Amino acid sequence: MEALELEPLQHPGITIETRSKSALTMMKNLTILDDATRAKVGEFVKFVKGLQTQIKGDRQDELAAAQKTVDAIKAARNLHLSTLVEAEAIAKKKMVDYDDAKIAKRRAEAQEEQRRQQREAEEKAIADAIALQEAGAYDLAEEVLQQAEEYKPEPIPIPKTPAPVADQHTTVRWNCRLVSLDVLVAAIVAGQAPDYTVKFDRAGANTAVKTIKDALTRNEGNGRPTRDKSKLEEIAELPNGTILTKEMIGAEIPGLEIYITKGMASGSYSDENVLR
């Protein structure tokens, strides 16, 4: 394990690249075993954040000018592209609408032809039944009428026509939209719908968790709301990753597990040479 010696990182003769790589190697090989090292690492973090600020500010004017040029080029290009994309979308919709209308017309014609065949069959059956009745074949006449009622013309296929332009075809995608979240969730629980039809909204859930957290600090005593952070301070002493149960925080979100993650907020040195 390497000792945490910060002074070499401050030497004016070494490059930012060397400092960065050395800092990363140093932290990978370091283990905090005492308070003195813990304090030294805290100072190291402030030093590293100062270097980050320095790197982010390097050649900022050139970067801003270059970004301005890129934005202008994209804006000019998108101005023309958006117009053409809109024109393409309108043209495609008009073609799909025309093709749908054409298919609907052919379907209506096919249905009308089926109805015509049905009428002809019925008229012929009635004429045949009358003739049979006149000949005294009443049972046979009844059978002819029964067959006419059960007669169904064969479906007339609607011919498919190729696209009039090469390398073009109509695409058909199956989509869906949410009608009722409650019904969908109930179906998932019942095993009637796959669970991947819903997606966990972590941001929304964290908002709900924040509401629970805020409720822990709210004190309505004496008729005036006050803030009491003692419970939060107690939770802050728990180990990183601790799961917060309903007994601990007074609330829960069914199906979710609330836990704490600990990080470290830190300021930075504005002058990298301050750290000695």
C-alpha atoms as a PDB file:
ATOM      1  CA  MET A   1       0.000   0.000   0.000  1.00  0.00           C
ATOM      2  CA  GLU A   2       1.378   3.378  -0.993  1.00  0.00           C
ATOM      3  CA  ALA A   3       1.528   6.199   1.531  1.00  0.00           C
ATOM      4  CA  LEU A   4      -0.633   9.191   0.755  1.00  0.00           C
ATOM      5  CA  GLU A   5       1.976  11.793  -0.181  1.00  0.00           C
ATOM      6  CA  LEU A   6       0.247  14.763  -1.780  1.00  0.00           C
ATOM      7  CA  GLU A   7       3.268  16.987  -2.293  1.00  0.00           C
ATOM      8  CA  PRO A   8       4.472  15.270  -5.520  1.00  0.00           C
ATOM      9  CA  LEU A   9       1.138  16.035  -7.157  1.00  0.00           C
ATOM     10  CA  GLN A  10       1.712  19.744  -6.590  1.00  0.00           C
ATOM     11  CA  HIS A  11       5.099  19.964  -8.236  1.00  0.00           C
ATOM     12  CA  PRO A  12       4.920  22.611 -10.977  1.00  0.00           C
ATOM     13  CA  GLY A  13       7.043  20.527 -13.332  1.00  0.00           C
ATOM     14  CA  ILE A  14       4.553  17.668 -13.831  1.00  0.00           C
ATOM     15  CA  THR A  15       1.730  17.718 -16.372  1.00  0.00           C
ATOM     16  CA  ILE A  16      -1.987  17.472 -15.721  1.00  0.00           C
ATOM     17  CA  GLU A  17      -1.975  14.037 -17.368  1.00  0.00           C
ATOM     18  CA  THR A  18       0.694  12.749 -14.970  1.00  0.00           C
ATOM     19  CA  ARG A  19      -1.093  14.264 -11.981  1.00  0.00           C
ATOM     20  CA  SER A  20      -4.386  12.666 -13.005  1.00  0.00           C
ATOM     21  CA  LYS A  21      -2.927   9.202 -13.504  1.00  0.00           C
ATOM     22  CA  SER A  22      -0.891   9.425 -10.319  1.00  0.00           C
ATOM     23  CA  ALA A  23      -3.918  10.540  -8.314  1.00  0.00           C
ATOM     24  CA  LEU A  24      -5.998   7.625  -9.620  1.00  0.00           C
ATOM     25  CA  THR A  25      -3.260   5.078  -8.902  1.00  0.00           C
ATOM     26  CA  MET A  26      -2.760   6.556  -5.440  1.00  0.00           C
ATOM     27  CA  MET A  27      -6.447   6.170  -4.518  1.00  0.00           C
ATOM     28  CA  LYS A  28      -6.712   2.655  -5.940  1.00  0.00           C
ATOM     29  CA  ASN A  29      -3.815   1.495  -3.745  1.00  0.00           C
ATOM     30  CA  LEU A  30      -4.822   3.366  -0.592  1.00  0.00           C
ATOM     31  CA  THR A  31      -6.579   1.971   2.461  1.00  0.00           C
ATOM     32  CA  ILE A  32      -7.735   4.289   5.251  1.00  0.00           C
ATOM     33  CA  LEU A  33      -6.625   2.806   8.554  1.00  0.00           C
ATOM     34  CA  ASP A  34      -6.484   5.816  10.876  1.00  0.00           C
ATOM     35  CA  ASP A  35      -7.959   9.270  11.421  1.00  0.00           C
ATOM     36  CA  ALA A  36      -4.871  11.033  10.134  1.00  0.00           C
ATOM     37  CA  THR A  37      -5.077   9.264   6.769  1.00  0.00           C
ATOM     38  CA  ARG A  38      -8.842   9.892   6.665  1.00  0.00           C
ATOM     39  CA  ALA A  39      -8.187  13.624   7.080  1.00  0.00           C
ATOM     40  CA  LYS A  40      -5.455  13.507   4.451  1.00  0.00           C
ATOM     41  CA  VAL A  41      -7.844  11.850   1.956  1.00  0.00           C
ATOM     42  CA  GLY A  42     -10.371  14.596   2.645  1.00  0.00           C
ATOM     43  CA  GLU A  43      -7.753  17.195   1.706  1.00  0.00           C
ATOM     44  CA  PHE A  44      -6.860  15.084  -1.343  1.00  0.00           C
ATOM     45  CA  VAL A  45     -10.486  15.240  -2.548  1.00  0.00           C
ATOM     46  CA  LYS A  46     -10.491  19.041  -2.319  1.00  0.00           C
ATOM     47  CA  PHE A  47      -7.209  19.131  -4.240  1.00  0.00           C
ATOM     48  CA  VAL A  48      -8.553  16.816  -6.969  1.00  0.00           C
ATOM     49  CA  LYS A  49     -11.731  18.868  -7.324  1.00  0.00           C
ATOM     50  CA  GLY A  50      -9.557  21.951  -7.773  1.00  0.00           C
ATOM     51  CA  LEU A  51      -7.712  20.199 -10.598  1.00  0.00           C
ATOM     52  CA  GLN A  52     -11.045  19.252 -12.188  1.00  0.00           C
ATOM     53  CA  THR A  53     -12.147  22.886 -12.094  1.00  0.00           C
ATOM     54  CA  GLN A  54      -8.853  23.924 -13.674  1.00  0.00           C
ATOM     55  CA  ILE A  55      -9.205  21.372 -16.492  1.00  0.00           C
ATOM     56  CA  LYS A  56     -12.856  22.309 -17.152  1.00  0.00           C
ATOM     57  CA  GLY A  57     -11.866  25.958 -17.468  1.00  0.00           C
ATOM     58  CA  ASP A  58      -8.920  25.285 -19.787  1.00  0.00           C
ATOM     59  CA  ARG A  59      -9.456  26.765 -23.295  1.00  0.00           C
ATOM     60  CA  GLN A  60     -13.053  27.493 -22.409  1.00  0.00           C
ATOM     61  CA  ASP A  61     -13.213  30.479 -24.760  1.00  0.00           C
ATOM     62  CA  GLU A  62     -12.072  28.362 -27.714  1.00  0.00           C
ATOM     63  CA  LEU A  63     -14.542  25.637 -26.787  1.00  0.00           C
ATOM     64  CA  ALA A  64     -17.422  28.119 -26.552  1.00  0.00           C
ATOM     65  CA  ALA A  65     -16.512  29.624 -29.933  1.00  0.00           C
ATOM     66  CA  ALA A  66     -16.296  26.176 -31.526  1.00  0.00           C
ATOM     67  CA  GLN A  67     -19.624  25.167 -29.991  1.00  0.00           C
ATOM     68  CA  LYS A  68     -21.216  28.335 -31.313  1.00  0.00           C
ATOM     69  CA  THR A  69     -20.007  27.472 -34.811  1.00  0.00           C
ATOM     70  CA  VAL A  70     -21.259  23.886 -34.531  1.00  0.00           C
ATOM     71  CA  ASP A  71     -24.656  25.078 -33.269  1.00  0.00           C
ATOM     72  CA  ALA A  72     -24.969  27.528 -36.160  1.00  0.00           C
ATOM     73  CA  ILE A  73     -24.132  24.835 -38.723  1.00  0.00           C
ATOM     74  CA  LYS A  74     -26.629  22.406 -37.175  1.00  0.00           C
ATOM     75  CA  ALA A  75     -29.319  25.081 -37.032  1.00  0.00           C
ATOM     76  CA  ALA A  76     -28.859  25.968 -40.703  1.00  0.00           C
ATOM     77  CA  ARG A  77     -28.844  22.320 -41.716  1.00  0.00           C
ATOM     78  CA  ASN A  78     -31.847  21.401 -39.587  1.00  0.00           C
ATOM     79  CA  LEU A  79     -33.810  24.328 -41.004  1.00  0.00           C
ATOM     80  CA  HIS A  80     -33.756  22.697 -44.432  1.00  0.00           C
ATOM     81  CA  LEU A  81     -33.938  19.128 -43.110  1.00  0.00           C
ATOM     82  CA  SER A  82     -37.020  19.777 -40.997  1.00  0.00           C
ATOM     83  CA  THR A  83     -38.837  21.227 -44.027  1.00  0.00           C
ATOM     84  CA  LEU A  84     -37.980  18.212 -46.162  1.00  0.00           C
ATOM     85  CA  VAL A  85     -38.818  15.751 -43.386  1.00  0.00           C
ATOM     86  CA  GLU A  86     -42.230  17.393 -42.994  1.00  0.00           C
ATOM     87  CA  ALA A  87     -42.802  17.240 -46.754  1.00  0.00           C
ATOM     88  CA  GLU A  88     -41.836  13.548 -46.764  1.00  0.00           C
ATOM     89  CA  ALA A  89     -44.196  12.783 -43.876  1.00  0.00           C
ATOM     90  CA  ILE A  90     -47.108  14.533 -45.607  1.00  0.00           C
ATOM     91  CA  ALA A  91     -46.417  12.696 -48.875  1.00  0.00           C
ATOM     92  CA  LYS A  92     -46.264   9.311 -47.138  1.00  0.00           C
ATOM     93  CA  LYS A  93     -49.500   9.925 -45.262  1.00  0.00           C
ATOM     94  CA  LYS A  94     -51.267  10.930 -48.479  1.00  0.00           C
ATOM     95  CA  MET A  95     -50.069   7.723 -50.168  1.00  0.00           C
ATOM     96  CA  VAL A  96     -51.193   5.564 -47.237  1.00  0.00           C
ATOM     97  CA  ASP A  97     -54.579   7.322 -47.150  1.00  0.00           C
ATOM     98  CA  TYR A  98     -55.021   6.802 -50.903  1.00  0.00           C
ATOM     99  CA  ASP A  99     -54.053   3.127 -50.700  1.00  0.00           C
ATOM    100  CA  ASP A 100     -56.401   2.584 -47.733  1.00  0.00           C
ATOM    101  CA  ALA A 101     -59.263   4.243 -49.599  1.00  0.00           C
ATOM    102  CA  LYS A 102     -58.545   2.088 -52.650  1.00  0.00           C
ATOM    103  CA  ILE A 103     -58.546  -1.098 -50.558  1.00  0.00           C
ATOM    104  CA  ALA A 104     -61.741  -0.012 -48.792  1.00  0.00           C
ATOM    105  CA  LYS A 105     -63.414   0.542 -52.161  1.00  0.00           C
ATOM    106  CA  ARG A 106     -62.375  -2.901 -53.389  1.00  0.00           C
ATOM    107  CA  ARG A 107     -63.612  -4.471 -50.145  1.00  0.00           C
ATOM    108  CA  ALA A 108     -66.968  -2.704 -50.515  1.00  0.00           C
ATOM    109  CA  GLU A 109     -67.233  -3.903 -54.129  1.00  0.00           C
ATOM    110  CA  ALA A 110     -66.440  -7.466 -53.048  1.00  0.00           C
ATOM    111  CA  GLN A 111     -69.073  -7.314 -50.300  1.00  0.00           C
ATOM    112  CA  GLU A 112     -71.629  -5.959 -52.756  1.00  0.00           C
ATOM    113  CA  GLU A 113     -70.827  -8.808 -55.146  1.00  0.00           C
ATOM    114  CA  GLN A 114     -71.355 -11.315 -52.328  1.00  0.00           C
ATOM    115  CA  ARG A 115     -74.719  -9.739 -51.527  1.00  0.00           C
ATOM    116  CA  ARG A 116     -75.674  -9.928 -55.226  1.00  0.00           C
ATOM    117  CA  GLN A 117     -74.803 -13.616 -55.334  1.00  0.00           C
ATOM    118  CA  GLN A 118     -76.810 -14.146 -52.139  1.00  0.00           C
ATOM    119  CA  ARG A 119     -79.863 -12.401 -53.625  1.00  0.00           C
ATOM    120  CA  GLU A 120     -79.637 -14.395 -56.846  1.00  0.00           C
ATOM    121  CA  ALA A 121     -79.401 -17.643 -54.890  1.00  0.00           C
ATOM    122  CA  GLU A 122     -82.404 -16.710 -52.769  1.00  0.00           C
ATOM    123  CA  GLU A 123     -84.475 -15.628 -55.804  1.00  0.00           C
ATOM    124  CA  LYS A 124     -83.615 -18.861 -57.620  1.00  0.00           C
ATOM    125  CA  ALA A 125     -84.456 -20.936 -54.521  1.00  0.00           C
ATOM    126  CA  ILE A 126     -87.846 -19.214 -54.183  1.00  0.00           C
ATOM    127  CA  ALA A 127     -88.625 -19.791 -57.852  1.00  0.00           C
ATOM    128  CA  ASP A 128     -87.577 -23.450 -57.584  1.00  0.00           C
ATOM    129  CA  ALA A 129     -89.615 -23.898 -54.397  1.00  0.00           C
ATOM    130  CA  ILE A 130     -92.733 -22.445 -56.030  1.00  0.00           C
ATOM    131  CA  ALA A 131     -92.317 -24.788 -58.974  1.00  0.00           C
ATOM    132  CA  LEU A 132     -91.873 -27.768 -56.633  1.00  0.00           C
ATOM    133  CA  GLN A 133     -94.921 -26.779 -54.601  1.00  0.00           C
ATOM    134  CA  GLU A 134     -97.008 -26.510 -57.754  1.00  0.00           C
ATOM    135  CA  ALA A 135     -95.827 -30.021 -58.609  1.00  0.00           C
ATOM    136  CA  GLY A 136     -96.858 -31.191 -55.127  1.00  0.00           C
ATOM    137  CA  ALA A 137     -93.279 -31.753 -53.864  1.00  0.00           C
ATOM    138  CA  TYR A 138     -93.790 -29.773 -50.691  1.00  0.00           C
ATOM    139  CA  ASP A 139     -91.046 -31.457 -48.669  1.00  0.00           C
ATOM    140  CA  LEU A 140     -88.530 -30.905 -51.434  1.00  0.00           C
ATOM    141  CA  ALA A 141     -89.603 -27.268 -51.776  1.00  0.00           C
ATOM    142  CA  GLU A 142     -89.039 -26.766 -48.028  1.00  0.00           C
ATOM    143  CA  GLU A 143     -85.581 -28.312 -48.330  1.00  0.00           C
ATOM    144  CA  VAL A 144     -84.672 -25.965 -51.197  1.00  0.00           C
ATOM    145  CA  LEU A 145     -85.718 -22.926 -49.145  1.00  0.00           C
ATOM    146  CA  GLN A 146     -83.730 -24.203 -46.149  1.00  0.00           C
ATOM    147  CA  GLN A 147     -80.618 -24.619 -48.276  1.00  0.00           C
ATOM    148  CA  ALA A 148     -81.059 -21.085 -49.608  1.00  0.00           C
ATOM    149  CA  GLU A 149     -81.113 -19.703 -46.049  1.00  0.00           C
ATOM    150  CA  GLU A 150     -77.878 -21.540 -45.222  1.00  0.00           C
ATOM    151  CA  TYR A 151     -76.134 -20.574 -48.446  1.00  0.00           C
ATOM    152  CA  LYS A 152     -73.093 -18.343 -48.029  1.00  0.00           C
ATOM    153  CA  PRO A 153     -71.163 -17.136 -51.072  1.00  0.00           C
ATOM    154  CA  GLU A 154     -67.433 -17.790 -51.146  1.00  0.00           C
ATOM    155  CA  PRO A 155     -65.378 -14.807 -49.962  1.00  0.00           C
ATOM    156  CA  ILE A 156     -64.077 -12.749 -52.834  1.00  0.00           C
ATOM    157  CA  PRO A 157     -60.313 -12.140 -52.429  1.00  0.00           C
ATOM    158  CA  ILE A 158     -59.140  -8.557 -52.717  1.00  0.00           C
ATOM    159  CA  PRO A 159     -56.210  -8.468 -55.128  1.00  0.00           C
ATOM    160  CA  LYS A 160     -52.988  -6.957 -53.878  1.00  0.00           C
ATOM    161  CA  THR A 161     -51.394  -4.425 -56.147  1.00  0.00           C
ATOM    162  CA  PRO A 162     -47.663  -3.775 -56.083  1.00  0.00           C
ATOM    163  CA  ALA A 163     -46.359  -0.349 -55.168  1.00  0.00           C
ATOM    164  CA  PRO A 164     -46.211   1.878 -58.261  1.00  0.00           C
ATOM    165  CA  VAL A 165     -42.670   2.984 -57.360  1.00  0.00           C
ATOM    166  CA  ALA A 166     -39.727   0.625 -56.972  1.00  0.00           C
ATOM    167  CA  ASP A 167     -38.128   0.252 -53.506  1.00  0.00           C
ATOM    168  CA  GLN A 168     -41.287   1.413 -51.758  1.00  0.00           C
ATOM    169  CA  HIS A 169     -43.726  -0.609 -49.710  1.00  0.00           C
ATOM    170  CA  THR A 170     -46.288   0.009 -47.006  1.00  0.00           C
ATOM    171  CA  THR A 171     -45.069  -0.745 -43.498  1.00  0.00           C
ATOM    172  CA  VAL A 172     -47.477  -1.975 -40.831  1.00  0.00           C
ATOM    173  CA  ARG A 173     -46.351  -1.686 -37.229  1.00  0.00           C
ATOM    174  CA  TRP A 174     -48.282  -2.889 -34.215  1.00  0.00           C
ATOM    175  CA  ASN A 175     -48.321  -0.316 -31.425  1.00  0.00           C
ATOM    176  CA  CYS A 176     -50.178   0.146 -28.167  1.00  0.00           C
ATOM    177  CA  ARG A 177     -51.217   2.930 -25.813  1.00  0.00           C
ATOM    178  CA  LEU A 178     -52.011   2.912 -22.115  1.00  0.00           C
ATOM    179  CA  VAL A 179     -55.739   2.847 -21.354  1.00  0.00           C
ATOM    180  CA  SER A 180     -55.723   1.984 -17.643  1.00  0.00           C
ATOM    181  CA  LEU A 181     -52.597   1.573 -15.497  1.00  0.00           C
ATOM    182  CA  ASP A 182     -54.627  -0.127 -12.757  1.00  0.00           C
ATOM    183  CA  VAL A 183     -55.936  -2.763 -15.163  1.00  0.00           C
ATOM    184  CA  LEU A 184     -52.468  -3.362 -16.623  1.00  0.00           C
ATOM    185  CA  VAL A 185     -50.835  -3.740 -13.194  1.00  0.00           C
ATOM    186  CA  ALA A 186     -53.597  -6.126 -12.089  1.00  0.00           C
ATOM    187  CA  ALA A 187     -53.022  -8.190 -15.244  1.00  0.00           C
ATOM    188  CA  ILE A 188     -49.283  -8.359 -14.527  1.00  0.00           C
ATOM    189  CA  VAL A 189     -49.951  -9.525 -10.959  1.00  0.00           C
ATOM    190  CA  ALA A 190     -52.364 -12.156 -12.296  1.00  0.00           C
ATOM    191  CA  GLY A 191     -49.799 -13.345 -14.825  1.00  0.00           C
ATOM    192  CA  GLN A 192     -51.963 -12.255 -17.756  1.00  0.00           C
ATOM    193  CA  ALA A 193     -49.482  -9.648 -19.055  1.00  0.00           C
ATOM    194  CA  PRO A 194     -45.668  -9.635 -19.101  1.00  0.00           C
ATOM    195  CA  ASP A 195     -43.967  -7.454 -16.501  1.00  0.00           C
ATOM    196  CA  TYR A 196     -41.826  -5.743 -19.153  1.00  0.00           C
ATOM    197  CA  THR A 197     -44.926  -3.848 -20.297  1.00  0.00           C
ATOM    198  CA  VAL A 198     -44.230  -1.406 -17.460  1.00  0.00           C
ATOM    199  CA  LYS A 199     -41.007   0.395 -16.607  1.00  0.00           C
ATOM    200  CA  PHE A 200     -39.904   1.430 -13.164  1.00  0.00           C
ATOM    201  CA  ASP A 201     -39.884   5.220 -12.858  1.00  0.00           C
ATOM    202  CA  ARG A 202     -36.981   5.775 -10.472  1.00  0.00           C
ATOM    203  CA  ALA A 203     -37.324   9.555 -10.541  1.00  0.00           C
ATOM    204  CA  GLY A 204     -41.013   9.358  -9.656  1.00  0.00           C
ATOM    205  CA  ALA A 205     -40.350   6.808  -6.914  1.00  0.00           C
ATOM    206  CA  ASN A 206     -37.578   8.975  -5.460  1.00  0.00           C
ATOM    207  CA  THR A 207     -40.068  11.850  -5.293  1.00  0.00           C
ATOM    208  CA  ALA A 208     -42.338   9.632  -3.216  1.00  0.00           C
ATOM    209  CA  VAL A 209     -39.382   8.701  -1.006  1.00  0.00           C
ATOM    210  CA  LYS A 210     -38.578  12.390  -0.535  1.00  0.00           C
ATOM    211  CA  THR A 211     -42.146  12.937   0.691  1.00  0.00           C
ATOM    212  CA  ILE A 212     -41.602  10.251   3.327  1.00  0.00           C
ATOM    213  CA  LYS A 213     -38.247  11.789   4.274  1.00  0.00           C
ATOM    214  CA  ASP A 214     -39.780  15.261   4.609  1.00  0.00           C
ATOM    215  CA  ALA A 215     -42.533  13.858   6.817  1.00  0.00           C
ATOM    216  CA  LEU A 216     -39.887  12.633   9.275  1.00  0.00           C
ATOM    217  CA  THR A 217     -38.713  16.187   9.917  1.00  0.00           C
ATOM    218  CA  ARG A 218     -42.163  17.731  10.251  1.00  0.00           C
ATOM    219  CA  ASN A 219     -43.345  18.465  13.764  1.00  0.00           C
ATOM    220  CA  GLU A 220     -46.872  19.817  14.195  1.00  0.00           C
ATOM    221  CA  GLY A 221     -46.605  20.433  17.967  1.00  0.00           C
ATOM    222  CA  ASN A 222     -47.993  23.576  19.589  1.00  0.00           C
ATOM    223  CA  GLY A 223     -50.089  24.280  16.524  1.00  0.00           C
ATOM    224  CA  ARG A 224     -47.102  25.519  14.530  1.00  0.00           C
ATOM    225  CA  PRO A 225     -45.141  23.326  12.114  1.00  0.00           C
ATOM    226  CA  THR A 226     -41.442  23.077  12.927  1.00  0.00           C
ATOM    227  CA  ARG A 227     -38.516  21.091  11.534  1.00  0.00           C
ATOM    228  CA  ASP A 228     -36.966  18.298  13.590  1.00  0.00           C
ATOM    229  CA  LYS A 229     -33.957  16.653  11.941  1.00  0.00           C
ATOM    230  CA  SER A 230     -33.059  14.378  14.835  1.00  0.00           C
ATOM    231  CA  LYS A 231     -34.535  11.311  13.097  1.00  0.00           C
ATOM    232  CA  LEU A 232     -32.574  12.043   9.927  1.00  0.00           C
ATOM    233  CA  GLU A 233     -29.412  12.471  11.940  1.00  0.00           C
ATOM    234  CA  GLU A 234     -30.071   9.111  13.588  1.00  0.00           C
ATOM    235  CA  ILE A 235     -30.523   7.444  10.199  1.00  0.00           C
ATOM    236  CA  ALA A 236     -27.356   9.133   8.918  1.00  0.00           C
ATOM    237  CA  GLU A 237     -25.383   7.127  11.499  1.00  0.00           C
ATOM    238  CA  LEU A 238     -26.547   3.833   9.980  1.00  0.00           C
ATOM    239  CA  PRO A 239     -24.189   1.899   7.670  1.00  0.00           C
ATOM    240  CA  ASN A 240     -24.166   2.638   3.954  1.00  0.00           C
ATOM    241  CA  GLY A 241     -26.808   0.574   2.140  1.00  0.00           C
ATOM    242  CA  THR A 242     -29.073   0.097   5.176  1.00  0.00           C
ATOM    243  CA  ILE A 243     -32.657  -0.776   4.220  1.00  0.00           C
ATOM    244  CA  LEU A 244     -35.176   1.537   5.899  1.00  0.00           C
ATOM    245  CA  THR A 245     -38.207  -0.403   7.081  1.00  0.00           C
ATOM    246  CA  LYS A 246     -41.683   0.899   7.860  1.00  0.00           C
ATOM    247  CA  GLU A 247     -40.913   0.526  11.562  1.00  0.00           C
ATOM    248  CA  MET A 248     -37.921   2.834  11.144  1.00  0.00           C
ATOM    249  CA  ILE A 249     -39.479   5.609   9.045  1.00  0.00           C
ATOM    250  CA  GLY A 250     -43.206   5.153   9.616  1.00  0.00           C
ATOM    251  CA  ALA A 251     -44.137   4.546   5.975  1.00  0.00           C
ATOM    252  CA  GLU A 252     -43.471   2.296   3.015  1.00  0.00           C
ATOM    253  CA  ILE A 253     -44.068   2.032  -0.713  1.00  0.00           C
ATOM    254  CA  PRO A 254     -45.417  -1.450  -1.541  1.00  0.00           C
ATOM    255  CA  GLY A 255     -43.155  -3.256  -3.967  1.00  0.00           C
ATOM    256  CA  LEU A 256     -40.218  -0.910  -3.364  1.00  0.00           C
ATOM    257  CA  GLU A 257     -37.265  -1.108  -1.002  1.00  0.00           C
ATOM    258  CA  ILE A 258     -36.047   2.144   0.512  1.00  0.00           C
ATOM    259  CA  TYR A 259     -32.358   2.241   1.421  1.00  0.00           C
ATOM    260  CA  ILE A 260     -29.657   4.821   2.066  1.00  0.00           C
ATOM    261  CA  THR A 261     -26.539   5.463   0.044  1.00  0.00           C
ATOM    262  CA  LYS A 262     -23.746   7.564   1.431  1.00  0.00           C
ATOM    263  CA  GLY A 263     -21.436   9.794  -0.531  1.00  0.00           C
ATOM    264  CA  MET A 264     -19.186  12.700   0.275  1.00  0.00           C
ATOM    265  CA  ALA A 265     -19.853  16.331  -0.602  1.00  0.00           C
ATOM    266  CA  SER A 266     -16.738  18.447  -0.836  1.00  0.00           C
ATOM    267  CA  GLY A 267     -15.583  21.867  -1.820  1.00  0.00           C
ATOM    268  CA  SER A 268     -12.358  22.419  -3.739  1.00  0.00           C
ATOM    269  CA  TYR A 269      -9.236  24.498  -3.508  1.00  0.00           C
ATOM    270  CA  SER A 270      -9.224  27.402  -5.931  1.00  0.00           C
ATOM    271  CA  ASP A 271      -5.430  27.449  -5.767  1.00  0.00           C
ATOM    272  CA  GLU A 272      -3.917  24.016  -6.238  1.00  0.00           C
ATOM    273  CA  ASN A 273      -0.743  25.097  -4.465  1.00  0.00           C
ATOM    274  CA  VAL A 274      -2.547  25.639  -1.175  1.00  0.00           C
ATOM    275  CA  LEU A 275      -2.429  21.941  -0.381  1.00  0.00           C
ATOM    276  CA  ARG A 276       0.846  21.169   1.392  1.00  0.00           C
END
